Amino acid sequence: MGESMRKVYGQSKVEGCPFCGKQSTTENDQGVPVCRNHKDKCLDFKCICGQWLDVNKGKYGPYFNCMNCGNISYRKGMEMNEEVMKKARGIVEKTIPKKKHTPGEITVTSDDLDFM
C-alpha cells in the first residue's frame, strides 16, 4: 500500500537562527531558537498595523502577539519583518541596472544559412 517516509533522528525539525541563518542550538530570553552567538539578542518587530509584536513561547514554539491583531504565527511574523532581518544580517539587495539594448541592422546572405 502506501509507503511511509521513515523518520531520521535529528532531521525532523531544524530551526535556523533569525539573525544569521545558521542552525539554532539554544534559545534567547524570549524563547526564540538562536545560535550561540546571538543568545543575548532579542527580536523587536512591528505588526502590519504598526503596533509592536510581543514574542511568546507556547506549546508548539514561539509566536507573536499584537494588541490589535491578536496571535500571529512565528513564520508570519518573521515574513512581515523580512526587511528588518535583512538589515540586521547586513544583506542589502542591490538593483543591477539593465543594459540598454540598441537595435542594430543585421544583414543575412545566402552563405549564412546557419543563422536561422
Protein backbone atom coordinates (compact mmCIF):
# COMPACT_ATOMS: atom_id res chain seq x y z
CA MET A 1 0.00 0.00 0.00
CA GLY A 2 1.30 3.47 0.86
CA GLU A 3 4.96 3.74 1.62
CA SER A 4 5.66 5.93 4.61
CA MET A 5 8.68 8.15 4.91
CA ARG A 6 10.97 6.93 7.63
CA LYS A 7 11.86 9.49 10.25
CA VAL A 8 15.55 10.06 10.77
CA TYR A 9 16.84 11.30 14.11
CA GLY A 10 17.72 14.99 14.01
CA GLN A 11 16.14 15.77 10.66
CA SER A 12 12.53 16.23 11.70
CA LYS A 13 12.76 19.88 12.77
CA VAL A 14 15.76 22.07 12.05
CA GLU A 15 15.36 25.68 13.17
CA GLY A 16 17.51 28.46 11.78
CA CYS A 17 18.78 31.48 13.68
CA PRO A 18 16.71 34.54 12.67
CA PHE A 19 19.78 36.79 12.90
CA CYS A 20 22.34 34.87 10.83
CA GLY A 21 20.56 31.84 9.34
CA LYS A 22 22.83 29.24 10.98
CA GLN A 23 21.39 26.21 12.75
CA SER A 24 19.89 27.10 16.12
CA THR A 25 21.34 25.37 19.14
CA THR A 26 19.89 27.38 22.05
CA GLU A 27 17.13 29.84 22.93
CA ASN A 28 17.35 33.51 23.87
CA ASP A 29 15.45 35.12 26.77
CA GLN A 30 12.31 35.40 24.61
CA GLY A 31 12.26 31.67 23.84
CA VAL A 32 13.26 32.11 20.18
CA PRO A 33 15.67 29.46 18.81
CA VAL A 34 19.01 31.16 18.01
CA CYS A 35 22.66 30.21 17.55
CA ARG A 36 25.06 30.65 20.47
CA ASN A 37 26.50 33.87 19.02
CA HIS A 38 23.11 35.63 19.19
CA LYS A 39 21.92 34.31 22.56
CA ASP A 40 21.88 37.83 24.05
CA LYS A 41 19.94 39.47 21.16
CA CYS A 42 16.17 39.98 21.23
CA LEU A 43 13.63 40.40 18.45
CA ASP A 44 11.90 43.79 18.21
CA PHE A 45 9.31 43.61 15.44
CA LYS A 46 6.28 45.61 14.40
CA CYS A 47 2.99 44.30 13.09
CA ILE A 48 1.43 45.41 9.82
CA CYS A 49 -0.96 47.62 11.82
CA GLY A 50 2.01 49.47 13.39
CA GLN A 51 1.89 48.00 16.92
CA TRP A 52 4.85 46.24 18.50
CA LEU A 53 4.81 42.45 18.45
CA ASP A 54 5.36 40.61 21.74
CA VAL A 55 7.20 37.30 21.50
CA ASN A 56 5.60 34.49 23.49
CA LYS A 57 6.54 30.86 23.88
CA GLY A 58 3.81 28.28 23.68
CA LYS A 59 3.32 24.54 23.44
CA TYR A 60 4.36 24.50 19.76
CA GLY A 61 7.20 27.02 19.96
CA PRO A 62 7.46 30.80 19.76
CA TYR A 63 4.70 33.02 18.38
CA PHE A 64 3.95 36.74 18.24
CA ASN A 65 1.09 38.65 19.85
CA CYS A 66 -0.22 42.00 18.61
CA MET A 67 -2.52 44.15 20.79
CA ASN A 68 -4.78 44.86 17.77
CA CYS A 69 -4.49 41.74 15.60
CA GLY A 70 -4.11 39.01 18.24
CA ASN A 71 -1.83 35.99 17.94
CA ILE A 72 0.39 35.71 14.86
CA SER A 73 2.42 32.63 13.99
CA TYR A 74 6.19 32.82 14.23
CA ARG A 75 6.58 32.23 10.49
CA LYS A 76 4.14 35.01 9.54
CA GLY A 77 5.73 37.43 12.00
CA MET A 78 9.16 36.74 10.51
CA GLU A 79 7.79 37.20 6.97
CA MET A 80 6.25 40.55 7.92
CA ASN A 81 9.62 41.77 9.19
CA GLU A 82 11.82 40.26 6.50
CA GLU A 83 13.31 43.66 5.57
CA VAL A 84 14.26 44.32 9.20
CA MET A 85 16.07 40.98 9.39
CA LYS A 86 17.92 41.60 6.12
CA LYS A 87 19.23 44.88 7.51
CA ALA A 88 20.24 43.13 10.74
CA ARG A 89 22.13 40.49 8.78
CA GLY A 90 23.80 43.13 6.63
CA ILE A 91 22.19 41.86 3.44
CA VAL A 92 21.36 44.74 1.18
CA GLU A 93 19.81 43.94 -2.15
CA LYS A 94 21.37 45.99 -4.88
CA THR A 95 19.48 46.66 -8.03
CA ILE A 96 21.50 45.88 -11.10
CA PRO A 97 21.00 48.46 -13.82
CA LYS A 98 19.74 46.95 -17.03
CA LYS A 99 21.83 47.34 -20.14
CA LYS A 100 20.13 49.35 -22.80
CA HIS A 101 19.62 47.37 -25.95
CA THR A 102 20.13 49.36 -29.08
CA PRO A 103 18.61 47.66 -32.08
CA GLY A 104 21.03 47.15 -34.93
CA GLU A 105 20.72 46.06 -38.51
CA ILE A 106 21.82 42.53 -39.41
CA THR A 107 22.39 41.51 -42.99
CA VAL A 108 21.88 37.84 -43.76
CA THR A 109 23.16 36.42 -47.02
CA SER A 110 22.60 33.02 -48.60
CA ASP A 111 26.02 31.95 -47.26
CA ASP A 112 24.71 32.36 -43.68
CA LEU A 113 22.15 29.54 -43.59
CA ASP A 114 23.13 28.59 -40.04
CA PHE A 115 21.76 31.93 -38.80
CA MET A 116 18.11 30.80 -38.90
